[in-house]
Amino acid sequence: YNLHCGTCHLPTGLGDPEMAPRLSAGSLVVQADDPAAMINVVLYGPEAPELPKKWRNPMEAYRYELDDEEIAAVLTFVRNSWDNDAGPVTPEQVARQREALSAN
């Protein structure tokens, strides 16, 4: 987390208002029962049109930099830190998202 995410989302998960949204408690993407959206953001970068313009596409895609186990580990960490209480993310879930979106 600290190496790839902490600079913009901060070590506290509160996010830098000029760079990235918070990941702390209350984030619907982080708390979702199905982590697919969060996995997609890490794999492919954020591209949701509802993101504020200052946050649209600033995050790099990590699909070539991190493997499925690394992505699962960082997302599990985020989903269970800073008052978040969501389930773990498995490497298999990451692999499914990687395969699903690359097939399109």
PDB file of N, CA and C in Angstrom:
ATOM      1  N   TYR A   1       0.824  -1.192   0.000  1.00  0.00           N
ATOM      2  CA  TYR A   1       0.000   0.000   0.000  1.00  0.00           C
ATOM      3  C   TYR A   1       0.867   1.254   0.000  1.00  0.00           C
ATOM      4  N   ASN A   2       1.805   1.321   0.926  1.00  0.00           N
ATOM      5  CA  ASN A   2       2.611   2.540   1.029  1.00  0.00           C
ATOM      6  C   ASN A   2       3.368   2.852  -0.257  1.00  0.00           C
ATOM      7  N   LEU A   3       3.853   1.842  -0.942  1.00  0.00           N
ATOM      8  CA  LEU A   3       4.638   2.043  -2.163  1.00  0.00           C
ATOM      9  C   LEU A   3       3.782   2.504  -3.330  1.00  0.00           C
ATOM     10  N   HIS A   4       2.614   1.912  -3.519  1.00  0.00           N
ATOM     11  CA  HIS A   4       1.809   2.185  -4.708  1.00  0.00           C
ATOM     12  C   HIS A   4       0.606   3.095  -4.475  1.00  0.00           C
ATOM     13  N   CYS A   5       0.122   3.185  -3.260  1.00  0.00           N
ATOM     14  CA  CYS A   5      -1.145   3.898  -3.013  1.00  0.00           C
ATOM     15  C   CYS A   5      -1.025   5.055  -2.034  1.00  0.00           C
ATOM     16  N   GLY A   6      -0.140   4.913  -1.067  1.00  0.00           N
ATOM     17  CA  GLY A   6      -0.077   5.849   0.051  1.00  0.00           C
ATOM     18  C   GLY A   6       0.261   7.278  -0.294  1.00  0.00           C
ATOM     19  N   THR A   7       0.967   7.508  -1.398  1.00  0.00           N
ATOM     20  CA  THR A   7       1.327   8.874  -1.766  1.00  0.00           C
ATOM     21  C   THR A   7       0.085   9.717  -2.022  1.00  0.00           C
ATOM     22  N   CYS A   8      -0.877   9.168  -2.743  1.00  0.00           N
ATOM     23  CA  CYS A   8      -2.087   9.936  -3.094  1.00  0.00           C
ATOM     24  C   CYS A   8      -3.233   9.707  -2.110  1.00  0.00           C
ATOM     25  N   HIS A   9      -3.421   8.464  -1.695  1.00  0.00           N
ATOM     26  CA  HIS A   9      -4.520   8.156  -0.774  1.00  0.00           C
ATOM     27  C   HIS A   9      -4.097   8.347   0.676  1.00  0.00           C
ATOM     28  N   LEU A  10      -2.829   8.628   0.891  1.00  0.00           N
ATOM     29  CA  LEU A  10      -2.203   8.894   2.184  1.00  0.00           C
ATOM     30  C   LEU A  10      -2.128   7.648   3.065  1.00  0.00           C
ATOM     31  N   PRO A  11      -1.149   7.597   3.943  1.00  0.00           N
ATOM     32  CA  PRO A  11      -1.015   6.458   4.855  1.00  0.00           C
ATOM     33  C   PRO A  11      -2.231   6.266   5.763  1.00  0.00           C
ATOM     34  N   THR A  12      -3.000   7.325   5.953  1.00  0.00           N
ATOM     35  CA  THR A  12      -4.195   7.263   6.800  1.00  0.00           C
ATOM     36  C   THR A  12      -5.428   6.789   6.035  1.00  0.00           C
ATOM     37  N   GLY A  13      -5.336   6.694   4.701  1.00  0.00           N
ATOM     38  CA  GLY A  13      -6.491   6.331   3.885  1.00  0.00           C
ATOM     39  C   GLY A  13      -7.455   7.480   3.671  1.00  0.00           C
ATOM     40  N   LEU A  14      -7.128   8.676   4.155  1.00  0.00           N
ATOM     41  CA  LEU A  14      -8.029   9.821   4.041  1.00  0.00           C
ATOM     42  C   LEU A  14      -7.992  10.487   2.669  1.00  0.00           C
ATOM     43  N   GLY A  15      -7.006  10.178   1.868  1.00  0.00           N
ATOM     44  CA  GLY A  15      -6.895  10.753   0.535  1.00  0.00           C
ATOM     45  C   GLY A  15      -6.464  12.201   0.556  1.00  0.00           C
ATOM     46  N   ASP A  16      -5.742  12.600  -0.484  1.00  0.00           N
ATOM     47  CA  ASP A  16      -5.348  13.986  -0.661  1.00  0.00           C
ATOM     48  C   ASP A  16      -6.441  14.648  -1.492  1.00  0.00           C
ATOM     49  N   PRO A  17      -7.079  15.699  -0.988  1.00  0.00           N
ATOM     50  CA  PRO A  17      -8.206  16.307  -1.702  1.00  0.00           C
ATOM     51  C   PRO A  17      -7.870  16.769  -3.122  1.00  0.00           C
ATOM     52  N   GLU A  18      -6.603  16.999  -3.401  1.00  0.00           N
ATOM     53  CA  GLU A  18      -6.196  17.435  -4.734  1.00  0.00           C
ATOM     54  C   GLU A  18      -5.787  16.276  -5.635  1.00  0.00           C
ATOM     55  N   MET A  19      -5.654  15.065  -5.071  1.00  0.00           N
ATOM     56  CA  MET A  19      -5.116  13.975  -5.869  1.00  0.00           C
ATOM     57  C   MET A  19      -5.972  12.712  -5.909  1.00  0.00           C
ATOM     58  N   ALA A  20      -6.570  12.351  -4.791  1.00  0.00           N
ATOM     59  CA  ALA A  20      -7.237  11.052  -4.746  1.00  0.00           C
ATOM     60  C   ALA A  20      -8.303  11.015  -3.669  1.00  0.00           C
ATOM     61  N   PRO A  21      -9.355  10.239  -3.895  1.00  0.00           N
ATOM     62  CA  PRO A  21     -10.413  10.123  -2.883  1.00  0.00           C
ATOM     63  C   PRO A  21      -9.948   9.308  -1.680  1.00  0.00           C
ATOM     64  N   ARG A  22     -10.701   9.445  -0.632  1.00  0.00           N
ATOM     65  CA  ARG A  22     -10.389   8.674   0.582  1.00  0.00           C
ATOM     66  C   ARG A  22     -10.733   7.206   0.373  1.00  0.00           C
ATOM     67  N   LEU A  23     -10.030   6.372   1.079  1.00  0.00           N
ATOM     68  CA  LEU A  23     -10.295   4.937   1.089  1.00  0.00           C
ATOM     69  C   LEU A  23     -10.788   4.495   2.454  1.00  0.00           C
ATOM     70  N   SER A  24     -10.869   5.443   3.375  1.00  0.00           N
ATOM     71  CA  SER A  24     -11.295   5.133   4.740  1.00  0.00           C
ATOM     72  C   SER A  24     -12.789   4.857   4.786  1.00  0.00           C
ATOM     73  N   ALA A  25     -13.270   4.480   5.943  1.00  0.00           N
ATOM     74  CA  ALA A  25     -14.669   4.071   6.138  1.00  0.00           C
ATOM     75  C   ALA A  25     -15.635   5.005   5.425  1.00  0.00           C
ATOM     76  N   GLY A  26     -16.606   4.417   4.810  1.00  0.00           N
ATOM     77  CA  GLY A  26     -17.614   5.185   4.113  1.00  0.00           C
ATOM     78  C   GLY A  26     -17.484   5.115   2.598  1.00  0.00           C
ATOM     79  N   SER A  27     -16.347   4.705   2.098  1.00  0.00           N
ATOM     80  CA  SER A  27     -16.179   4.584   0.651  1.00  0.00           C
ATOM     81  C   SER A  27     -16.996   3.397   0.153  1.00  0.00           C
ATOM     82  N   LEU A  28     -17.966   3.669  -0.711  1.00  0.00           N
ATOM     83  CA  LEU A  28     -18.837   2.600  -1.215  1.00  0.00           C
ATOM     84  C   LEU A  28     -18.074   1.584  -2.053  1.00  0.00           C
ATOM     85  N   VAL A  29     -17.088   2.034  -2.809  1.00  0.00           N
ATOM     86  CA  VAL A  29     -16.301   1.102  -3.625  1.00  0.00           C
ATOM     87  C   VAL A  29     -15.501   0.167  -2.726  1.00  0.00           C
ATOM     88  N   VAL A  30     -14.918   0.709  -1.677  1.00  0.00           N
ATOM     89  CA  VAL A  30     -14.117  -0.105  -0.751  1.00  0.00           C
ATOM     90  C   VAL A  30     -14.998  -1.081   0.018  1.00  0.00           C
ATOM     91  N   GLN A  31     -16.175  -0.632   0.444  1.00  0.00           N
ATOM     92  CA  GLN A  31     -17.046  -1.440   1.295  1.00  0.00           C
ATOM     93  C   GLN A  31     -17.961  -2.403   0.534  1.00  0.00           C
ATOM     94  N   ALA A  32     -18.000  -2.333  -0.779  1.00  0.00           N
ATOM     95  CA  ALA A  32     -18.907  -3.170  -1.565  1.00  0.00           C
ATOM     96  C   ALA A  32     -18.699  -4.652  -1.274  1.00  0.00           C
ATOM     97  N   ASP A  33     -19.803  -5.397  -1.232  1.00  0.00           N
ATOM     98  CA  ASP A  33     -19.705  -6.842  -1.026  1.00  0.00           C
ATOM     99  C   ASP A  33     -18.875  -7.498  -2.120  1.00  0.00           C
ATOM    100  N   ASP A  34     -19.074  -7.059  -3.353  1.00  0.00           N
ATOM    101  CA  ASP A  34     -18.335  -7.583  -4.493  1.00  0.00           C
ATOM    102  C   ASP A  34     -17.184  -6.621  -4.785  1.00  0.00           C
ATOM    103  N   PRO A  35     -15.937  -7.064  -4.662  1.00  0.00           N
ATOM    104  CA  PRO A  35     -14.807  -6.160  -4.856  1.00  0.00           C
ATOM    105  C   PRO A  35     -14.444  -5.911  -6.317  1.00  0.00           C
ATOM    106  N   ALA A  36     -15.263  -6.345  -7.268  1.00  0.00           N
ATOM    107  CA  ALA A  36     -14.921  -6.243  -8.688  1.00  0.00           C
ATOM    108  C   ALA A  36     -14.595  -4.814  -9.118  1.00  0.00           C
ATOM    109  N   ALA A  37     -15.378  -3.833  -8.697  1.00  0.00           N
ATOM    110  CA  ALA A  37     -15.125  -2.447  -9.104  1.00  0.00           C
ATOM    111  C   ALA A  37     -13.774  -1.963  -8.588  1.00  0.00           C
ATOM    112  N   MET A  38     -13.468  -2.302  -7.360  1.00  0.00           N
ATOM    113  CA  MET A  38     -12.192  -1.883  -6.777  1.00  0.00           C
ATOM    114  C   MET A  38     -11.027  -2.579  -7.489  1.00  0.00           C
ATOM    115  N   ILE A  39     -11.202  -3.841  -7.804  1.00  0.00           N
ATOM    116  CA  ILE A  39     -10.177  -4.575  -8.552  1.00  0.00           C
ATOM    117  C   ILE A  39      -9.953  -3.906  -9.906  1.00  0.00           C
ATOM    118  N   ASN A  40     -11.033  -3.536 -10.579  1.00  0.00           N
ATOM    119  CA  ASN A  40     -10.920  -2.904 -11.889  1.00  0.00           C
ATOM    120  C   ASN A  40     -10.171  -1.570 -11.821  1.00  0.00           C
ATOM    121  N   VAL A  41     -10.407  -0.790 -10.766  1.00  0.00           N
ATOM    122  CA  VAL A  41      -9.709   0.482 -10.617  1.00  0.00           C
ATOM    123  C   VAL A  41      -8.206   0.249 -10.516  1.00  0.00           C
ATOM    124  N   VAL A  42      -7.801  -0.759  -9.764  1.00  0.00           N
ATOM    125  CA  VAL A  42      -6.375  -1.035  -9.618  1.00  0.00           C
ATOM    126  C   VAL A  42      -5.794  -1.602 -10.912  1.00  0.00           C
ATOM    127  N   LEU A  43      -6.517  -2.496 -11.548  1.00  0.00           N
ATOM    128  CA  LEU A  43      -6.022  -3.086 -12.792  1.00  0.00           C
ATOM    129  C   LEU A  43      -5.947  -2.082 -13.933  1.00  0.00           C
ATOM    130  N   TYR A  44      -6.996  -1.281 -14.097  1.00  0.00           N
ATOM    131  CA  TYR A  44      -7.141  -0.467 -15.297  1.00  0.00           C
ATOM    132  C   TYR A  44      -7.165   1.041 -15.059  1.00  0.00           C
ATOM    133  N   GLY A  45      -7.132   1.471 -13.798  1.00  0.00           N
ATOM    134  CA  GLY A  45      -7.219   2.887 -13.479  1.00  0.00           C
ATOM    135  C   GLY A  45      -8.668   3.333 -13.456  1.00  0.00           C
ATOM    136  N   PRO A  46      -8.961   4.420 -12.734  1.00  0.00           N
ATOM    137  CA  PRO A  46     -10.345   4.891 -12.645  1.00  0.00           C
ATOM    138  C   PRO A  46     -10.772   5.576 -13.941  1.00  0.00           C
ATOM    139  N   GLU A  47     -11.942   5.213 -14.411  1.00  0.00           N
ATOM    140  CA  GLU A  47     -12.467   5.845 -15.612  1.00  0.00           C
ATOM    141  C   GLU A  47     -13.953   6.150 -15.485  1.00  0.00           C
ATOM    142  N   ALA A  48     -14.463   6.143 -14.286  1.00  0.00           N
ATOM    143  CA  ALA A  48     -15.886   6.400 -14.074  1.00  0.00           C
ATOM    144  C   ALA A  48     -16.190   7.868 -14.330  1.00  0.00           C
ATOM    145  N   PRO A  49     -17.178   8.167 -15.160  1.00  0.00           N
ATOM    146  CA  PRO A  49     -17.481   9.567 -15.476  1.00  0.00           C
ATOM    147  C   PRO A  49     -17.976  10.374 -14.284  1.00  0.00           C
ATOM    148  N   GLU A  50     -18.442   9.715 -13.226  1.00  0.00           N
ATOM    149  CA  GLU A  50     -18.940  10.454 -12.073  1.00  0.00           C
ATOM    150  C   GLU A  50     -17.827  10.922 -11.135  1.00  0.00           C
ATOM    151  N   LEU A  51     -16.574  10.555 -11.420  1.00  0.00           N
ATOM    152  CA  LEU A  51     -15.472  11.042 -10.603  1.00  0.00           C
ATOM    153  C   LEU A  51     -15.277  12.537 -10.846  1.00  0.00           C
ATOM    154  N   PRO A  52     -14.946  13.282  -9.796  1.00  0.00           N
ATOM    155  CA  PRO A  52     -14.644  14.699 -10.015  1.00  0.00           C
ATOM    156  C   PRO A  52     -13.513  14.843 -11.030  1.00  0.00           C
ATOM    157  N   LYS A  53     -13.567  15.881 -11.846  1.00  0.00           N
ATOM    158  CA  LYS A  53     -12.584  16.056 -12.917  1.00  0.00           C
ATOM    159  C   LYS A  53     -11.149  15.968 -12.401  1.00  0.00           C
ATOM    160  N   LYS A  54     -10.885  16.522 -11.206  1.00  0.00           N
ATOM    161  CA  LYS A  54      -9.515  16.510 -10.697  1.00  0.00           C
ATOM    162  C   LYS A  54      -9.000  15.094 -10.432  1.00  0.00           C
ATOM    163  N   TRP A  55      -9.902  14.113 -10.293  1.00  0.00           N
ATOM    164  CA  TRP A  55      -9.485  12.744 -10.030  1.00  0.00           C
ATOM    165  C   TRP A  55      -9.622  11.844 -11.250  1.00  0.00           C
ATOM    166  N   ARG A  56     -10.150  12.326 -12.330  1.00  0.00           N
ATOM    167  CA  ARG A  56     -10.412  11.474 -13.484  1.00  0.00           C
ATOM    168  C   ARG A  56      -9.114  11.024 -14.131  1.00  0.00           C
ATOM    169  N   ASN A  57      -8.854   9.743 -14.111  1.00  0.00           N
ATOM    170  CA  ASN A  57      -7.706   9.087 -14.743  1.00  0.00           C
ATOM    171  C   ASN A  57      -6.326   9.502 -14.255  1.00  0.00           C
ATOM    172  N   PRO A  58      -6.156   9.992 -13.033  1.00  0.00           N
ATOM    173  CA  PRO A  58      -4.794  10.305 -12.619  1.00  0.00           C
ATOM    174  C   PRO A  58      -4.030   9.065 -12.152  1.00  0.00           C
ATOM    175  N   MET A  59      -4.769   8.076 -11.696  1.00  0.00           N
ATOM    176  CA  MET A  59      -4.127   6.881 -11.151  1.00  0.00           C
ATOM    177  C   MET A  59      -3.693   5.972 -12.292  1.00  0.00           C
ATOM    178  N   GLU A  60      -2.475   5.522 -12.206  1.00  0.00           N
ATOM    179  CA  GLU A  60      -2.007   4.605 -13.238  1.00  0.00           C
ATOM    180  C   GLU A  60      -2.642   3.234 -13.069  1.00  0.00           C
ATOM    181  N   ALA A  61      -2.706   2.507 -14.149  1.00  0.00           N
ATOM    182  CA  ALA A  61      -3.188   1.132 -14.110  1.00  0.00           C
ATOM    183  C   ALA A  61      -2.036   0.238 -13.656  1.00  0.00           C
ATOM    184  N   TYR A  62      -2.323  -0.684 -12.785  1.00  0.00           N
ATOM    185  CA  TYR A  62      -1.283  -1.559 -12.244  1.00  0.00           C
ATOM    186  C   TYR A  62      -1.333  -2.977 -12.814  1.00  0.00           C
ATOM    187  N   ARG A  63      -2.080  -3.194 -13.881  1.00  0.00           N
ATOM    188  CA  ARG A  63      -2.243  -4.548 -14.408  1.00  0.00           C
ATOM    189  C   ARG A  63      -0.928  -5.184 -14.843  1.00  0.00           C
ATOM    190  N   TYR A  64       0.036  -4.386 -15.272  1.00  0.00           N
ATOM    191  CA  TYR A  64       1.321  -4.939 -15.698  1.00  0.00           C
ATOM    192  C   TYR A  64       2.377  -4.875 -14.608  1.00  0.00           C
ATOM    193  N   GLU A  65       2.124  -4.081 -13.586  1.00  0.00           N
ATOM    194  CA  GLU A  65       3.105  -3.891 -12.530  1.00  0.00           C
ATOM    195  C   GLU A  65       2.908  -4.845 -11.340  1.00  0.00           C
ATOM    196  N   LEU A  66       1.647  -5.171 -11.027  1.00  0.00           N
ATOM    197  CA  LEU A  66       1.344  -6.028  -9.878  1.00  0.00           C
ATOM    198  C   LEU A  66       0.670  -7.304 -10.346  1.00  0.00           C
ATOM    199  N   ASP A  67       1.026  -8.410  -9.712  1.00  0.00           N
ATOM    200  CA  ASP A  67       0.365  -9.672 -10.060  1.00  0.00           C
ATOM    201  C   ASP A  67      -0.910  -9.831  -9.232  1.00  0.00           C
ATOM    202  N   ASP A  68      -1.640 -10.901  -9.496  1.00  0.00           N
ATOM    203  CA  ASP A  68      -2.939 -11.111  -8.839  1.00  0.00           C
ATOM    204  C   ASP A  68      -2.819 -11.187  -7.323  1.00  0.00           C
ATOM    205  N   GLU A  69      -1.780 -11.843  -6.829  1.00  0.00           N
ATOM    206  CA  GLU A  69      -1.595 -11.956  -5.373  1.00  0.00           C
ATOM    207  C   GLU A  69      -1.297 -10.601  -4.743  1.00  0.00           C
ATOM    208  N   GLU A  70      -0.487  -9.788  -5.409  1.00  0.00           N
ATOM    209  CA  GLU A  70      -0.157  -8.470  -4.865  1.00  0.00           C
ATOM    210  C   GLU A  70      -1.389  -7.565  -4.834  1.00  0.00           C
ATOM    211  N   ILE A  71      -2.172  -7.585  -5.887  1.00  0.00           N
ATOM    212  CA  ILE A  71      -3.389  -6.767  -5.924  1.00  0.00           C
ATOM    213  C   ILE A  71      -4.374  -7.245  -4.863  1.00  0.00           C
ATOM    214  N   ALA A  72      -4.537  -8.550  -4.739  1.00  0.00           N
ATOM    215  CA  ALA A  72      -5.437  -9.090  -3.718  1.00  0.00           C
ATOM    216  C   ALA A  72      -4.987  -8.669  -2.320  1.00  0.00           C
ATOM    217  N   ALA A  73      -3.694  -8.705  -2.078  1.00  0.00           N
ATOM    218  CA  ALA A  73      -3.179  -8.342  -0.753  1.00  0.00           C
ATOM    219  C   ALA A  73      -3.415  -6.869  -0.433  1.00  0.00           C
ATOM    220  N   VAL A  74      -3.121  -5.975  -1.380  1.00  0.00           N
ATOM    221  CA  VAL A  74      -3.307  -4.550  -1.103  1.00  0.00           C
ATOM    222  C   VAL A  74      -4.791  -4.209  -0.947  1.00  0.00           C
ATOM    223  N   LEU A  75      -5.651  -4.831  -1.750  1.00  0.00           N
ATOM    224  CA  LEU A  75      -7.080  -4.542  -1.624  1.00  0.00           C
ATOM    225  C   LEU A  75      -7.667  -5.118  -0.341  1.00  0.00           C
ATOM    226  N   THR A  76      -7.204  -6.272   0.071  1.00  0.00           N
ATOM    227  CA  THR A  76      -7.635  -6.831   1.352  1.00  0.00           C
ATOM    228  C   THR A  76      -7.208  -5.908   2.490  1.00  0.00           C
ATOM    229  N   PHE A  77      -5.987  -5.391   2.401  1.00  0.00           N
ATOM    230  CA  PHE A  77      -5.501  -4.441   3.404  1.00  0.00           C
ATOM    231  C   PHE A  77      -6.410  -3.211   3.466  1.00  0.00           C
ATOM    232  N   VAL A  78      -6.695  -2.605   2.312  1.00  0.00           N
ATOM    233  CA  VAL A  78      -7.529  -1.400   2.270  1.00  0.00           C
ATOM    234  C   VAL A  78      -8.925  -1.699   2.800  1.00  0.00           C
ATOM    235  N   ARG A  79      -9.496  -2.832   2.404  1.00  0.00           N
ATOM    236  CA  ARG A  79     -10.871  -3.165   2.790  1.00  0.00           C
ATOM    237  C   ARG A  79     -11.006  -3.497   4.277  1.00  0.00           C
ATOM    238  N   ASN A  80      -9.858  -3.606   4.964  1.00  0.00           N
ATOM    239  CA  ASN A  80      -9.891  -3.926   6.393  1.00  0.00           C
ATOM    240  C   ASN A  80      -9.056  -2.974   7.237  1.00  0.00           C
ATOM    241  N   SER A  81      -8.815  -1.767   6.736  1.00  0.00           N
ATOM    242  CA  SER A  81      -8.075  -0.743   7.469  1.00  0.00           C
ATOM    243  C   SER A  81      -8.948   0.493   7.628  1.00  0.00           C
ATOM    244  N   TRP A  82      -8.569   1.374   8.561  1.00  0.00           N
ATOM    245  CA  TRP A  82      -9.224   2.679   8.754  1.00  0.00           C
ATOM    246  C   TRP A  82     -10.735   2.556   8.935  1.00  0.00           C
ATOM    247  N   ASP A  83     -11.168   1.674   9.778  1.00  0.00           N
ATOM    248  CA  ASP A  83     -12.585   1.447  10.070  1.00  0.00           C
ATOM    249  C   ASP A  83     -13.358   0.807   8.920  1.00  0.00           C
ATOM    250  N   ASN A  84     -12.667   0.331   7.906  1.00  0.00           N
ATOM    251  CA  ASN A  84     -13.335  -0.464   6.873  1.00  0.00           C
ATOM    252  C   ASN A  84     -13.533  -1.866   7.417  1.00  0.00           C
ATOM    253  N   ASP A  85     -14.574  -2.498   7.002  1.00  0.00           N
ATOM    254  CA  ASP A  85     -14.862  -3.856   7.450  1.00  0.00           C
ATOM    255  C   ASP A  85     -15.497  -4.626   6.299  1.00  0.00           C
ATOM    256  N   ALA A  86     -14.676  -4.957   5.318  1.00  0.00           N
ATOM    257  CA  ALA A  86     -15.160  -5.679   4.145  1.00  0.00           C
ATOM    258  C   ALA A  86     -14.379  -6.990   4.021  1.00  0.00           C
ATOM    259  N   GLY A  87     -14.880  -7.872   3.209  1.00  0.00           N
ATOM    260  CA  GLY A  87     -14.258  -9.173   3.064  1.00  0.00           C
ATOM    261  C   GLY A  87     -12.924  -9.104   2.336  1.00  0.00           C
ATOM    262  N   PRO A  88     -12.173 -10.187   2.427  1.00  0.00           N
ATOM    263  CA  PRO A  88     -10.888 -10.246   1.731  1.00  0.00           C
ATOM    264  C   PRO A  88     -11.088 -10.330   0.217  1.00  0.00           C
ATOM    265  N   VAL A  89     -10.050  -9.986  -0.507  1.00  0.00           N
ATOM    266  CA  VAL A  89     -10.007 -10.140  -1.957  1.00  0.00           C
ATOM    267  C   VAL A  89      -9.031 -11.271  -2.244  1.00  0.00           C
ATOM    268  N   THR A  90      -9.417 -12.196  -3.087  1.00  0.00           N
ATOM    269  CA  THR A  90      -8.557 -13.337  -3.402  1.00  0.00           C
ATOM    270  C   THR A  90      -7.862 -13.134  -4.746  1.00  0.00           C
ATOM    271  N   PRO A  91      -6.728 -13.778  -4.932  1.00  0.00           N
ATOM    272  CA  PRO A  91      -6.064 -13.728  -6.240  1.00  0.00           C
ATOM    273  C   PRO A  91      -6.967 -14.256  -7.356  1.00  0.00           C
ATOM    274  N   GLU A  92      -7.834 -15.185  -7.047  1.00  0.00           N
ATOM    275  CA  GLU A  92      -8.751 -15.727  -8.047  1.00  0.00           C
ATOM    276  C   GLU A  92      -9.756 -14.663  -8.512  1.00  0.00           C
ATOM    277  N   GLN A  93     -10.226 -13.831  -7.588  1.00  0.00           N
ATOM    278  CA  GLN A  93     -11.138 -12.743  -7.964  1.00  0.00           C
ATOM    279  C   GLN A  93     -10.431 -11.740  -8.876  1.00  0.00           C
ATOM    280  N   VAL A  94      -9.182 -11.452  -8.572  1.00  0.00           N
ATOM    281  CA  VAL A  94      -8.408 -10.531  -9.407  1.00  0.00           C
ATOM    282  C   VAL A  94      -8.214 -11.142 -10.796  1.00  0.00           C
ATOM    283  N   ALA A  95      -7.876 -12.420 -10.846  1.00  0.00           N
ATOM    284  CA  ALA A  95      -7.661 -13.099 -12.128  1.00  0.00           C
ATOM    285  C   ALA A  95      -8.933 -13.075 -12.971  1.00  0.00           C
ATOM    286  N   ARG A  96     -10.086 -13.275 -12.342  1.00  0.00           N
ATOM    287  CA  ARG A  96     -11.360 -13.235 -13.086  1.00  0.00           C
ATOM    288  C   ARG A  96     -11.592 -11.861 -13.709  1.00  0.00           C
ATOM    289  N   GLN A  97     -11.318 -10.792 -12.952  1.00  0.00           N
ATOM    290  CA  GLN A  97     -11.501  -9.441 -13.484  1.00  0.00           C
ATOM    291  C   GLN A  97     -10.493  -9.156 -14.599  1.00  0.00           C
ATOM    292  N   ARG A  98      -9.296  -9.639 -14.414  1.00  0.00           N
ATOM    293  CA  ARG A  98      -8.258  -9.435 -15.430  1.00  0.00           C
ATOM    294  C   ARG A  98      -8.668 -10.115 -16.732  1.00  0.00           C
ATOM    295  N   GLU A  99      -9.172 -11.333 -16.620  1.00  0.00           N
ATOM    296  CA  GLU A  99      -9.604 -12.103 -17.803  1.00  0.00           C
ATOM    297  C   GLU A  99     -10.874 -11.514 -18.414  1.00  0.00           C
ATOM    298  N   ALA A 100     -11.821 -11.111 -17.592  1.00  0.00           N
ATOM    299  CA  ALA A 100     -13.108 -10.605 -18.084  1.00  0.00           C
ATOM    300  C   ALA A 100     -12.921  -9.324 -18.909  1.00  0.00           C
ATOM    301  N   LEU A 101     -12.131  -8.421 -18.414  1.00  0.00           N
ATOM    302  CA  LEU A 101     -11.959  -7.155 -19.124  1.00  0.00           C
ATOM    303  C   LEU A 101     -10.997  -7.260 -20.299  1.00  0.00           C
ATOM    304  N   SER A 102     -10.058  -8.185 -20.235  1.00  0.00           N
ATOM    305  CA  SER A 102      -9.159  -8.340 -21.387  1.00  0.00           C
ATOM    306  C   SER A 102      -9.849  -9.075 -22.527  1.00  0.00           C
ATOM    307  N   ALA A 103     -10.937  -9.793 -22.225  1.00  0.00           N
ATOM    308  CA  ALA A 103     -11.699 -10.504 -23.263  1.00  0.00           C
ATOM    309  C   ALA A 103     -12.567  -9.540 -24.068  1.00  0.00           C
ATOM    310  N   ASN A 104     -12.841  -8.364 -23.502  1.00  0.00           N
ATOM    311  CA  ASN A 104     -13.712  -7.391 -24.204  1.00  0.00           C
ATOM    312  C   ASN A 104     -12.951  -6.648 -25.236  1.00  0.00           C
TER     313      ASN A 104
END
